[in-house]
mmCIF file of all heavy atoms, coordinates in Angstrom:
data_MODEL
# 
_entry.id   MODEL 
# 
loop_
_atom_site.group_PDB 
_atom_site.id 
_atom_site.type_symbol 
_atom_site.label_atom_id 
_atom_site.label_alt_id 
_atom_site.label_comp_id 
_atom_site.label_asym_id 
_atom_site.label_entity_id 
_atom_site.label_seq_id 
_atom_site.pdbx_PDB_ins_code 
_atom_site.Cartn_x 
_atom_site.Cartn_y 
_atom_site.Cartn_z 
_atom_site.occupancy 
_atom_site.B_iso_or_equiv 
_atom_site.pdbx_formal_charge 
_atom_site.auth_seq_id 
_atom_site.auth_comp_id 
_atom_site.auth_asym_id 
_atom_site.auth_atom_id 
_atom_site.pdbx_PDB_model_num 
ATOM 1   N N   . GLU A 1 1  ? 71.917 21.847 183.382 1.00 0.00 ? 1  GLU A N   1 
ATOM 2   C CA  . GLU A 1 1  ? 72.286 21.888 184.794 1.00 0.00 ? 1  GLU A CA  1 
ATOM 3   C C   . GLU A 1 1  ? 73.675 21.275 184.927 1.00 0.00 ? 1  GLU A C   1 
ATOM 4   O O   . GLU A 1 1  ? 73.856 20.082 184.695 1.00 0.00 ? 1  GLU A O   1 
ATOM 5   C CB  . GLU A 1 1  ? 71.288 21.106 185.641 1.00 0.00 ? 1  GLU A CB  1 
ATOM 6   C CG  . GLU A 1 1  ? 71.696 20.992 187.114 1.00 0.00 ? 1  GLU A CG  1 
ATOM 7   C CD  . GLU A 1 1  ? 70.857 20.003 187.901 1.00 0.00 ? 1  GLU A CD  1 
ATOM 8   O OE1 . GLU A 1 1  ? 69.717 19.716 187.469 1.00 0.00 ? 1  GLU A OE1 1 
ATOM 9   O OE2 . GLU A 1 1  ? 71.339 19.504 188.938 1.00 0.00 ? 1  GLU A OE2 1 
ATOM 10  N N   . VAL A 1 2  ? 74.656 22.092 185.282 1.00 0.00 ? 2  VAL A N   1 
ATOM 11  C CA  . VAL A 1 2  ? 76.003 21.580 185.509 1.00 0.00 ? 2  VAL A CA  1 
ATOM 12  C C   . VAL A 1 2  ? 75.995 20.872 186.859 1.00 0.00 ? 2  VAL A C   1 
ATOM 13  O O   . VAL A 1 2  ? 75.998 21.512 187.912 1.00 0.00 ? 2  VAL A O   1 
ATOM 14  C CB  . VAL A 1 2  ? 77.052 22.716 185.478 1.00 0.00 ? 2  VAL A CB  1 
ATOM 15  C CG1 . VAL A 1 2  ? 78.441 22.140 185.727 1.00 0.00 ? 2  VAL A CG1 1 
ATOM 16  C CG2 . VAL A 1 2  ? 77.008 23.458 184.147 1.00 0.00 ? 2  VAL A CG2 1 
ATOM 17  N N   . TYR A 1 3  ? 75.976 19.560 186.818 1.00 0.00 ? 3  TYR A N   1 
ATOM 18  C CA  . TYR A 1 3  ? 75.803 18.767 188.028 1.00 0.00 ? 3  TYR A CA  1 
ATOM 19  C C   . TYR A 1 3  ? 77.115 18.572 188.782 1.00 0.00 ? 3  TYR A C   1 
ATOM 20  O O   . TYR A 1 3  ? 77.149 18.559 190.000 1.00 0.00 ? 3  TYR A O   1 
ATOM 21  C CB  . TYR A 1 3  ? 75.182 17.414 187.668 1.00 0.00 ? 3  TYR A CB  1 
ATOM 22  C CG  . TYR A 1 3  ? 74.906 16.533 188.859 1.00 0.00 ? 3  TYR A CG  1 
ATOM 23  C CD1 . TYR A 1 3  ? 73.946 16.892 189.801 1.00 0.00 ? 3  TYR A CD1 1 
ATOM 24  C CD2 . TYR A 1 3  ? 75.603 15.343 189.045 1.00 0.00 ? 3  TYR A CD2 1 
ATOM 25  C CE1 . TYR A 1 3  ? 73.689 16.093 190.900 1.00 0.00 ? 3  TYR A CE1 1 
ATOM 26  C CE2 . TYR A 1 3  ? 75.351 14.532 190.129 1.00 0.00 ? 3  TYR A CE2 1 
ATOM 27  C CZ  . TYR A 1 3  ? 74.392 14.914 191.059 1.00 0.00 ? 3  TYR A CZ  1 
ATOM 28  O OH  . TYR A 1 3  ? 74.149 14.115 192.146 1.00 0.00 ? 3  TYR A OH  1 
ATOM 29  N N   . SER A 1 4  ? 78.195 18.409 188.052 1.00 0.00 ? 4  SER A N   1 
ATOM 30  C CA  . SER A 1 4  ? 79.520 18.269 188.651 1.00 0.00 ? 4  SER A CA  1 
ATOM 31  C C   . SER A 1 4  ? 80.557 18.697 187.631 1.00 0.00 ? 4  SER A C   1 
ATOM 32  O O   . SER A 1 4  ? 80.214 19.153 186.541 1.00 0.00 ? 4  SER A O   1 
ATOM 33  C CB  . SER A 1 4  ? 79.764 16.825 189.105 1.00 0.00 ? 4  SER A CB  1 
ATOM 34  O OG  . SER A 1 4  ? 79.850 15.958 187.981 1.00 0.00 ? 4  SER A OG  1 
ATOM 35  N N   . ILE A 1 5  ? 81.822 18.543 187.955 1.00 0.00 ? 5  ILE A N   1 
ATOM 36  C CA  . ILE A 1 5  ? 82.889 18.971 187.060 1.00 0.00 ? 5  ILE A CA  1 
ATOM 37  C C   . ILE A 1 5  ? 82.854 18.206 185.734 1.00 0.00 ? 5  ILE A C   1 
ATOM 38  O O   . ILE A 1 5  ? 83.259 18.736 184.695 1.00 0.00 ? 5  ILE A O   1 
ATOM 39  C CB  . ILE A 1 5  ? 84.275 18.808 187.728 1.00 0.00 ? 5  ILE A CB  1 
ATOM 40  C CG1 . ILE A 1 5  ? 85.368 19.533 186.919 1.00 0.00 ? 5  ILE A CG1 1 
ATOM 41  C CG2 . ILE A 1 5  ? 84.626 17.337 187.944 1.00 0.00 ? 5  ILE A CG2 1 
ATOM 42  C CD1 . ILE A 1 5  ? 86.713 19.604 187.619 1.00 0.00 ? 5  ILE A CD1 1 
ATOM 43  N N   . ASP A 1 6  ? 82.296 17.005 185.726 1.00 0.00 ? 6  ASP A N   1 
ATOM 44  C CA  . ASP A 1 6  ? 82.294 16.192 184.501 1.00 0.00 ? 6  ASP A CA  1 
ATOM 45  C C   . ASP A 1 6  ? 80.908 15.704 184.086 1.00 0.00 ? 6  ASP A C   1 
ATOM 46  O O   . ASP A 1 6  ? 80.792 14.826 183.229 1.00 0.00 ? 6  ASP A O   1 
ATOM 47  C CB  . ASP A 1 6  ? 83.228 14.997 184.659 1.00 0.00 ? 6  ASP A CB  1 
ATOM 48  C CG  . ASP A 1 6  ? 82.800 14.051 185.775 1.00 0.00 ? 6  ASP A CG  1 
ATOM 49  O OD1 . ASP A 1 6  ? 81.988 14.457 186.625 1.00 0.00 ? 6  ASP A OD1 1 
ATOM 50  O OD2 . ASP A 1 6  ? 83.286 12.898 185.805 1.00 0.00 ? 6  ASP A OD2 1 
ATOM 51  N N   . GLU A 1 7  ? 79.838 16.276 184.666 1.00 0.00 ? 7  GLU A N   1 
ATOM 52  C CA  . GLU A 1 7  ? 78.480 15.848 184.347 1.00 0.00 ? 7  GLU A CA  1 
ATOM 53  C C   . GLU A 1 7  ? 77.554 17.044 184.163 1.00 0.00 ? 7  GLU A C   1 
ATOM 54  O O   . GLU A 1 7  ? 77.696 18.064 184.836 1.00 0.00 ? 7  GLU A O   1 
ATOM 55  C CB  . GLU A 1 7  ? 77.901 14.981 185.463 1.00 0.00 ? 7  GLU A CB  1 
ATOM 56  C CG  . GLU A 1 7  ? 78.515 13.618 185.627 1.00 0.00 ? 7  GLU A CG  1 
ATOM 57  C CD  . GLU A 1 7  ? 77.894 12.879 186.800 1.00 0.00 ? 7  GLU A CD  1 
ATOM 58  O OE1 . GLU A 1 7  ? 78.205 13.235 187.953 1.00 0.00 ? 7  GLU A OE1 1 
ATOM 59  O OE2 . GLU A 1 7  ? 77.094 11.971 186.579 1.00 0.00 ? 7  GLU A OE2 1 
ATOM 60  N N   . ALA A 1 8  ? 76.595 16.885 183.260 1.00 0.00 ? 8  ALA A N   1 
ATOM 61  C CA  . ALA A 1 8  ? 75.582 17.926 183.057 1.00 0.00 ? 8  ALA A CA  1 
ATOM 62  C C   . ALA A 1 8  ? 74.287 17.286 182.573 1.00 0.00 ? 8  ALA A C   1 
ATOM 63  O O   . ALA A 1 8  ? 74.303 16.360 181.758 1.00 0.00 ? 8  ALA A O   1 
ATOM 64  C CB  . ALA A 1 8  ? 76.063 18.968 182.053 1.00 0.00 ? 8  ALA A CB  1 
ATOM 65  N N   . PHE A 1 9  ? 73.170 17.781 183.103 1.00 0.00 ? 9  PHE A N   1 
ATOM 66  C CA  . PHE A 1 9  ? 71.852 17.407 182.594 1.00 0.00 ? 9  PHE A CA  1 
ATOM 67  C C   . PHE A 1 9  ? 71.416 18.436 181.554 1.00 0.00 ? 9  PHE A C   1 
ATOM 68  O O   . PHE A 1 9  ? 71.649 19.631 181.715 1.00 0.00 ? 9  PHE A O   1 
ATOM 69  C CB  . PHE A 1 9  ? 70.813 17.373 183.731 1.00 0.00 ? 9  PHE A CB  1 
ATOM 70  C CG  . PHE A 1 9  ? 70.990 16.244 184.696 1.00 0.00 ? 9  PHE A CG  1 
ATOM 71  C CD1 . PHE A 1 9  ? 71.581 16.461 185.934 1.00 0.00 ? 9  PHE A CD1 1 
ATOM 72  C CD2 . PHE A 1 9  ? 70.549 14.967 184.382 1.00 0.00 ? 9  PHE A CD2 1 
ATOM 73  C CE1 . PHE A 1 9  ? 71.734 15.426 186.839 1.00 0.00 ? 9  PHE A CE1 1 
ATOM 74  C CE2 . PHE A 1 9  ? 70.701 13.922 185.279 1.00 0.00 ? 9  PHE A CE2 1 
ATOM 75  C CZ  . PHE A 1 9  ? 71.295 14.156 186.509 1.00 0.00 ? 9  PHE A CZ  1 
ATOM 76  N N   . MET A 1 10 ? 70.762 17.952 180.501 1.00 0.00 ? 10 MET A N   1 
ATOM 77  C CA  . MET A 1 10 ? 70.293 18.837 179.438 1.00 0.00 ? 10 MET A CA  1 
ATOM 78  C C   . MET A 1 10 ? 68.858 18.497 179.063 1.00 0.00 ? 10 MET A C   1 
ATOM 79  O O   . MET A 1 10 ? 68.506 17.323 178.944 1.00 0.00 ? 10 MET A O   1 
ATOM 80  C CB  . MET A 1 10 ? 71.190 18.724 178.198 1.00 0.00 ? 10 MET A CB  1 
ATOM 81  C CG  . MET A 1 10 ? 70.762 19.621 177.041 1.00 0.00 ? 10 MET A CG  1 
ATOM 82  S SD  . MET A 1 10 ? 71.718 19.328 175.523 1.00 0.00 ? 10 MET A SD  1 
ATOM 83  C CE  . MET A 1 10 ? 73.311 19.936 175.998 1.00 0.00 ? 10 MET A CE  1 
ATOM 84  N N   . ASP A 1 11 ? 68.043 19.527 178.893 1.00 0.00 ? 11 ASP A N   1 
ATOM 85  C CA  . ASP A 1 11 ? 66.661 19.338 178.459 1.00 0.00 ? 11 ASP A CA  1 
ATOM 86  C C   . ASP A 1 11 ? 66.617 19.206 176.940 1.00 0.00 ? 11 ASP A C   1 
ATOM 87  O O   . ASP A 1 11 ? 67.008 20.116 176.217 1.00 0.00 ? 11 ASP A O   1 
ATOM 88  C CB  . ASP A 1 11 ? 65.810 20.526 178.917 1.00 0.00 ? 11 ASP A CB  1 
ATOM 89  C CG  . ASP A 1 11 ? 64.316 20.274 178.741 1.00 0.00 ? 11 ASP A CG  1 
ATOM 90  O OD1 . ASP A 1 11 ? 63.943 19.337 178.009 1.00 0.00 ? 11 ASP A OD1 1 
ATOM 91  O OD2 . ASP A 1 11 ? 63.514 21.014 179.338 1.00 0.00 ? 11 ASP A OD2 1 
ATOM 92  N N   . LEU A 1 12 ? 66.131 18.060 176.463 1.00 0.00 ? 12 LEU A N   1 
ATOM 93  C CA  . LEU A 1 12 ? 66.017 17.810 175.025 1.00 0.00 ? 12 LEU A CA  1 
ATOM 94  C C   . LEU A 1 12 ? 64.558 17.688 174.590 1.00 0.00 ? 12 LEU A C   1 
ATOM 95  O O   . LEU A 1 12 ? 64.255 17.111 173.547 1.00 0.00 ? 12 LEU A O   1 
ATOM 96  C CB  . LEU A 1 12 ? 66.786 16.537 174.636 1.00 0.00 ? 12 LEU A CB  1 
ATOM 97  C CG  . LEU A 1 12 ? 68.303 16.536 174.856 1.00 0.00 ? 12 LEU A CG  1 
ATOM 98  C CD1 . LEU A 1 12 ? 68.904 15.207 174.416 1.00 0.00 ? 12 LEU A CD1 1 
ATOM 99  C CD2 . LEU A 1 12 ? 68.975 17.672 174.102 1.00 0.00 ? 12 LEU A CD2 1 
ATOM 100 N N   . SER A 1 13 ? 63.653 18.250 175.394 1.00 0.00 ? 13 SER A N   1 
ATOM 101 C CA  . SER A 1 13 ? 62.220 18.120 175.116 1.00 0.00 ? 13 SER A CA  1 
ATOM 102 C C   . SER A 1 13 ? 61.793 18.808 173.826 1.00 0.00 ? 13 SER A C   1 
ATOM 103 O O   . SER A 1 13 ? 60.731 18.512 173.281 1.00 0.00 ? 13 SER A O   1 
ATOM 104 C CB  . SER A 1 13 ? 61.396 18.676 176.289 1.00 0.00 ? 13 SER A CB  1 
ATOM 105 O OG  . SER A 1 13 ? 61.721 18.020 177.498 1.00 0.00 ? 13 SER A OG  1 
ATOM 106 N N   . ASN A 1 14 ? 62.611 19.751 173.348 1.00 0.00 ? 14 ASN A N   1 
ATOM 107 C CA  . ASN A 1 14 ? 62.266 20.453 172.112 1.00 0.00 ? 14 ASN A CA  1 
ATOM 108 C C   . ASN A 1 14 ? 62.550 19.614 170.868 1.00 0.00 ? 14 ASN A C   1 
ATOM 109 O O   . ASN A 1 14 ? 62.213 20.011 169.753 1.00 0.00 ? 14 ASN A O   1 
ATOM 110 C CB  . ASN A 1 14 ? 63.020 21.772 172.022 1.00 0.00 ? 14 ASN A CB  1 
ATOM 111 C CG  . ASN A 1 14 ? 64.525 21.618 172.135 1.00 0.00 ? 14 ASN A CG  1 
ATOM 112 O OD1 . ASN A 1 14 ? 65.005 20.854 172.972 1.00 0.00 ? 14 ASN A OD1 1 
ATOM 113 N ND2 . ASN A 1 14 ? 65.272 22.349 171.322 1.00 0.00 ? 14 ASN A ND2 1 
ATOM 114 N N   . PHE A 1 15 ? 63.162 18.443 171.050 1.00 0.00 ? 15 PHE A N   1 
ATOM 115 C CA  . PHE A 1 15 ? 63.384 17.523 169.935 1.00 0.00 ? 15 PHE A CA  1 
ATOM 116 C C   . PHE A 1 15 ? 62.332 16.408 169.971 1.00 0.00 ? 15 PHE A C   1 
ATOM 117 O O   . PHE A 1 15 ? 61.875 16.011 171.045 1.00 0.00 ? 15 PHE A O   1 
ATOM 118 C CB  . PHE A 1 15 ? 64.788 16.901 169.997 1.00 0.00 ? 15 PHE A CB  1 
ATOM 119 C CG  . PHE A 1 15 ? 65.899 17.897 169.855 1.00 0.00 ? 15 PHE A CG  1 
ATOM 120 C CD1 . PHE A 1 15 ? 66.581 18.373 170.972 1.00 0.00 ? 15 PHE A CD1 1 
ATOM 121 C CD2 . PHE A 1 15 ? 66.261 18.378 168.612 1.00 0.00 ? 15 PHE A CD2 1 
ATOM 122 C CE1 . PHE A 1 15 ? 67.601 19.295 170.849 1.00 0.00 ? 15 PHE A CE1 1 
ATOM 123 C CE2 . PHE A 1 15 ? 67.284 19.304 168.475 1.00 0.00 ? 15 PHE A CE2 1 
ATOM 124 C CZ  . PHE A 1 15 ? 67.956 19.760 169.593 1.00 0.00 ? 15 PHE A CZ  1 
ATOM 125 N N   . SER A 1 16 ? 61.947 15.928 168.805 1.00 0.00 ? 16 SER A N   1 
ATOM 126 C CA  . SER A 1 16 ? 60.943 14.868 168.736 1.00 0.00 ? 16 SER A CA  1 
ATOM 127 C C   . SER A 1 16 ? 61.516 13.547 169.206 1.00 0.00 ? 16 SER A C   1 
ATOM 128 O O   . SER A 1 16 ? 62.740 13.354 169.262 1.00 0.00 ? 16 SER A O   1 
ATOM 129 C CB  . SER A 1 16 ? 60.422 14.720 167.303 1.00 0.00 ? 16 SER A CB  1 
ATOM 130 O OG  . SER A 1 16 ? 61.422 14.151 166.462 1.00 0.00 ? 16 SER A OG  1 
ATOM 131 N N   . ASP A 1 17 ? 60.638 12.610 169.545 1.00 0.00 ? 17 ASP A N   1 
ATOM 132 C CA  . ASP A 1 17 ? 61.055 11.293 170.013 1.00 0.00 ? 17 ASP A CA  1 
ATOM 133 C C   . ASP A 1 17 ? 61.922 10.576 168.982 1.00 0.00 ? 17 ASP A C   1 
ATOM 134 O O   . ASP A 1 17 ? 62.844 9.840  169.334 1.00 0.00 ? 17 ASP A O   1 
ATOM 135 C CB  . ASP A 1 17 ? 59.832 10.433 170.335 1.00 0.00 ? 17 ASP A CB  1 
ATOM 136 C CG  . ASP A 1 17 ? 59.027 10.975 171.515 1.00 0.00 ? 17 ASP A CG  1 
ATOM 137 O OD1 . ASP A 1 17 ? 59.361 12.072 172.012 1.00 0.00 ? 17 ASP A OD1 1 
ATOM 138 O OD2 . ASP A 1 17 ? 58.057 10.303 171.927 1.00 0.00 ? 17 ASP A OD2 1 
ATOM 139 N N   . ASP A 1 18 ? 61.615 10.791 167.721 1.00 0.00 ? 18 ASP A N   1 
ATOM 140 C CA  . ASP A 1 18 ? 62.318 10.079 166.645 1.00 0.00 ? 18 ASP A CA  1 
ATOM 141 C C   . ASP A 1 18 ? 63.736 10.582 166.407 1.00 0.00 ? 18 ASP A C   1 
ATOM 142 O O   . ASP A 1 18 ? 64.595 9.832  165.950 1.00 0.00 ? 18 ASP A O   1 
ATOM 143 C CB  . ASP A 1 18 ? 61.517 10.164 165.334 1.00 0.00 ? 18 ASP A CB  1 
ATOM 144 C CG  . ASP A 1 18 ? 60.192 9.421  165.411 1.00 0.00 ? 18 ASP A CG  1 
ATOM 145 O OD1 . ASP A 1 18 ? 60.093 8.478  166.227 1.00 0.00 ? 18 ASP A OD1 1 
ATOM 146 O OD2 . ASP A 1 18 ? 59.250 9.792  164.670 1.00 0.00 ? 18 ASP A OD2 1 
ATOM 147 N N   . GLU A 1 19 ? 63.973 11.870 166.718 1.00 0.00 ? 19 GLU A N   1 
ATOM 148 C CA  . GLU A 1 19 ? 65.273 12.431 166.381 1.00 0.00 ? 19 GLU A CA  1 
ATOM 149 C C   . GLU A 1 19 ? 66.226 12.563 167.572 1.00 0.00 ? 19 GLU A C   1 
ATOM 150 O O   . GLU A 1 19 ? 67.401 12.902 167.394 1.00 0.00 ? 19 GLU A O   1 
ATOM 151 C CB  . GLU A 1 19 ? 65.097 13.816 165.726 1.00 0.00 ? 19 GLU A CB  1 
ATOM 152 C CG  . GLU A 1 19 ? 64.433 14.864 166.609 1.00 0.00 ? 19 GLU A CG  1 
ATOM 153 C CD  . GLU A 1 19 ? 64.191 16.182 165.894 1.00 0.00 ? 19 GLU A CD  1 
ATOM 154 O OE1 . GLU A 1 19 ? 64.760 16.392 164.818 1.00 0.00 ? 19 GLU A OE1 1 
ATOM 155 O OE2 . GLU A 1 19 ? 63.413 17.019 166.399 1.00 0.00 ? 19 GLU A OE2 1 
ATOM 156 N N   . VAL A 1 20 ? 65.720 12.274 168.776 1.00 0.00 ? 20 VAL A N   1 
ATOM 157 C CA  . VAL A 1 20 ? 66.516 12.534 169.969 1.00 0.00 ? 20 VAL A CA  1 
ATOM 158 C C   . VAL A 1 20 ? 67.784 11.671 170.025 1.00 0.00 ? 20 VAL A C   1 
ATOM 159 O O   . VAL A 1 20 ? 68.831 12.117 170.507 1.00 0.00 ? 20 VAL A O   1 
ATOM 160 C CB  . VAL A 1 20 ? 65.655 12.362 171.240 1.00 0.00 ? 20 VAL A CB  1 
ATOM 161 C CG1 . VAL A 1 20 ? 65.315 10.877 171.492 1.00 0.00 ? 20 VAL A CG1 1 
ATOM 162 C CG2 . VAL A 1 20 ? 66.362 12.949 172.452 1.00 0.00 ? 20 VAL A CG2 1 
ATOM 163 N N   . LEU A 1 21 ? 67.735 10.437 169.518 1.00 0.00 ? 21 LEU A N   1 
ATOM 164 C CA  . LEU A 1 21 ? 68.920 9.576  169.510 1.00 0.00 ? 21 LEU A CA  1 
ATOM 165 C C   . LEU A 1 21 ? 70.017 10.174 168.638 1.00 0.00 ? 21 LEU A C   1 
ATOM 166 O O   . LEU A 1 21 ? 71.191 10.208 169.027 1.00 0.00 ? 21 LEU A O   1 
ATOM 167 C CB  . LEU A 1 21 ? 68.567 8.171  169.031 1.00 0.00 ? 21 LEU A CB  1 
ATOM 168 C CG  . LEU A 1 21 ? 69.745 7.179  168.920 1.00 0.00 ? 21 LEU A CG  1 
ATOM 169 C CD1 . LEU A 1 21 ? 70.415 6.981  170.284 1.00 0.00 ? 21 LEU A CD1 1 
ATOM 170 C CD2 . LEU A 1 21 ? 69.270 5.826  168.366 1.00 0.00 ? 21 LEU A CD2 1 
ATOM 171 N N   . ASN A 1 22 ? 69.639 10.654 167.459 1.00 0.00 ? 22 ASN A N   1 
ATOM 172 C CA  . ASN A 1 22 ? 70.609 11.291 166.562 1.00 0.00 ? 22 ASN A CA  1 
ATOM 173 C C   . ASN A 1 22 ? 71.200 12.550 167.193 1.00 0.00 ? 22 ASN A C   1 
ATOM 174 O O   . ASN A 1 22 ? 72.388 12.853 167.014 1.00 0.00 ? 22 ASN A O   1 
ATOM 175 C CB  . ASN A 1 22 ? 69.960 11.633 165.220 1.00 0.00 ? 22 ASN A CB  1 
ATOM 176 C CG  . ASN A 1 22 ? 69.607 10.396 164.410 1.00 0.00 ? 22 ASN A CG  1 
ATOM 177 O OD1 . ASN A 1 22 ? 70.252 9.354  164.547 1.00 0.00 ? 22 ASN A OD1 1 
ATOM 178 N ND2 . ASN A 1 22 ? 68.594 10.501 163.548 1.00 0.00 ? 22 ASN A ND2 1 
ATOM 179 N N   . VAL A 1 23 ? 70.357 13.283 167.925 1.00 0.00 ? 23 VAL A N   1 
ATOM 180 C CA  . VAL A 1 23 ? 70.837 14.492 168.616 1.00 0.00 ? 23 VAL A CA  1 
ATOM 181 C C   . VAL A 1 23 ? 71.887 14.105 169.659 1.00 0.00 ? 23 VAL A C   1 
ATOM 182 O O   . VAL A 1 23 ? 72.928 14.754 169.781 1.00 0.00 ? 23 VAL A O   1 
ATOM 183 C CB  . VAL A 1 23 ? 69.670 15.250 169.277 1.00 0.00 ? 23 VAL A CB  1 
ATOM 184 C CG1 . VAL A 1 23 ? 70.188 16.375 170.166 1.00 0.00 ? 23 VAL A CG1 1 
ATOM 185 C CG2 . VAL A 1 23 ? 68.729 15.803 168.220 1.00 0.00 ? 23 VAL A CG2 1 
ATOM 186 N N   . GLY A 1 24 ? 71.609 13.044 170.415 1.00 0.00 ? 24 GLY A N   1 
ATOM 187 C CA  . GLY A 1 24 ? 72.561 12.570 171.413 1.00 0.00 ? 24 GLY A CA  1 
ATOM 188 C C   . GLY A 1 24 ? 73.900 12.194 170.788 1.00 0.00 ? 24 GLY A C   1 
ATOM 189 O O   . GLY A 1 24 ? 74.966 12.528 171.317 1.00 0.00 ? 24 GLY A O   1 
ATOM 190 N N   . GLN A 1 25 ? 73.858 11.517 169.650 1.00 0.00 ? 25 GLN A N   1 
ATOM 191 C CA  . GLN A 1 25 ? 75.083 11.141 168.955 1.00 0.00 ? 25 GLN A CA  1 
ATOM 192 C C   . GLN A 1 25 ? 75.838 12.361 168.434 1.00 0.00 ? 25 GLN A C   1 
ATOM 193 O O   . GLN A 1 25 ? 77.071 12.401 168.453 1.00 0.00 ? 25 GLN A O   1 
ATOM 194 C CB  . GLN A 1 25 ? 74.750 10.172 167.813 1.00 0.00 ? 25 GLN A CB  1 
ATOM 195 C CG  . GLN A 1 25 ? 74.264 8.808  168.307 1.00 0.00 ? 25 GLN A CG  1 
ATOM 196 C CD  . GLN A 1 25 ? 73.674 7.951  167.219 1.00 0.00 ? 25 GLN A CD  1 
ATOM 197 O OE1 . GLN A 1 25 ? 73.279 8.450  166.152 1.00 0.00 ? 25 GLN A OE1 1 
ATOM 198 N NE2 . GLN A 1 25 ? 73.569 6.636  167.456 1.00 0.00 ? 25 GLN A NE2 1 
ATOM 199 N N   . GLU A 1 26 ? 75.067 13.365 167.981 1.00 0.00 ? 26 GLU A N   1 
ATOM 200 C CA  . GLU A 1 26 ? 75.693 14.595 167.496 1.00 0.00 ? 26 GLU A CA  1 
ATOM 201 C C   . GLU A 1 26 ? 76.372 15.356 168.634 1.00 0.00 ? 26 GLU A C   1 
ATOM 202 O O   . GLU A 1 26 ? 77.468 15.898 168.460 1.00 0.00 ? 26 GLU A O   1 
ATOM 203 C CB  . GLU A 1 26 ? 74.647 15.488 166.827 1.00 0.00 ? 26 GLU A CB  1 
ATOM 204 C CG  . GLU A 1 26 ? 75.255 16.729 166.152 1.00 0.00 ? 26 GLU A CG  1 
ATOM 205 C CD  . GLU A 1 26 ? 74.215 17.635 165.535 1.00 0.00 ? 26 GLU A CD  1 
ATOM 206 O OE1 . GLU A 1 26 ? 73.027 17.230 165.448 1.00 0.00 ? 26 GLU A OE1 1 
ATOM 207 O OE2 . GLU A 1 26 ? 74.573 18.770 165.146 1.00 0.00 ? 26 GLU A OE2 1 
ATOM 208 N N   . ILE A 1 27 ? 75.706 15.411 169.797 1.00 0.00 ? 27 ILE A N   1 
ATOM 209 C CA  . ILE A 1 27 ? 76.296 16.065 170.967 1.00 0.00 ? 27 ILE A CA  1 
ATOM 210 C C   . ILE A 1 27 ? 77.616 15.394 171.322 1.00 0.00 ? 27 ILE A C   1 
ATOM 211 O O   . ILE A 1 27 ? 78.629 16.051 171.548 1.00 0.00 ? 27 ILE A O   1 
ATOM 212 C CB  . ILE A 1 27 ? 75.323 16.016 172.171 1.00 0.00 ? 27 ILE A CB  1 
ATOM 213 C CG1 . ILE A 1 27 ? 74.104 16.904 171.914 1.00 0.00 ? 27 ILE A CG1 1 
ATOM 214 C CG2 . ILE A 1 27 ? 76.023 16.458 173.453 1.00 0.00 ? 27 ILE A CG2 1 
ATOM 215 C CD1 . ILE A 1 27 ? 73.002 16.755 172.959 1.00 0.00 ? 27 ILE A CD1 1 
ATOM 216 N N   . ARG A 1 28 ? 77.604 14.077 171.360 1.00 0.00 ? 28 ARG A N   1 
ATOM 217 C CA  . ARG A 1 28 ? 78.804 13.317 171.729 1.00 0.00 ? 28 ARG A CA  1 
ATOM 218 C C   . ARG A 1 28 ? 79.961 13.585 170.753 1.00 0.00 ? 28 ARG A C   1 
ATOM 219 O O   . ARG A 1 28 ? 81.095 13.836 171.184 1.00 0.00 ? 28 ARG A O   1 
ATOM 220 C CB  . ARG A 1 28 ? 78.486 11.824 171.769 1.00 0.00 ? 28 ARG A CB  1 
ATOM 221 C CG  . ARG A 1 28 ? 79.606 10.957 172.305 1.00 0.00 ? 28 ARG A CG  1 
ATOM 222 C CD  . ARG A 1 28 ? 79.139 9.529  172.510 1.00 0.00 ? 28 ARG A CD  1 
ATOM 223 N NE  . ARG A 1 28 ? 80.174 8.739  173.136 1.00 0.00 ? 28 ARG A NE  1 
ATOM 224 C CZ  . ARG A 1 28 ? 81.074 8.005  172.483 1.00 0.00 ? 28 ARG A CZ  1 
ATOM 225 N NH1 . ARG A 1 28 ? 81.056 7.948  171.176 1.00 0.00 ? 28 ARG A NH1 1 
ATOM 226 N NH2 . ARG A 1 28 ? 82.002 7.316  173.132 1.00 0.00 ? 28 ARG A NH2 1 
# 
């Protein structure tokens, strides 16, 4: 969901609880 010009919400439910932090770091 593109919330504003510099913000977006993303659904990460397809990733497990254990790997979601690494996914966040990879996105960044």
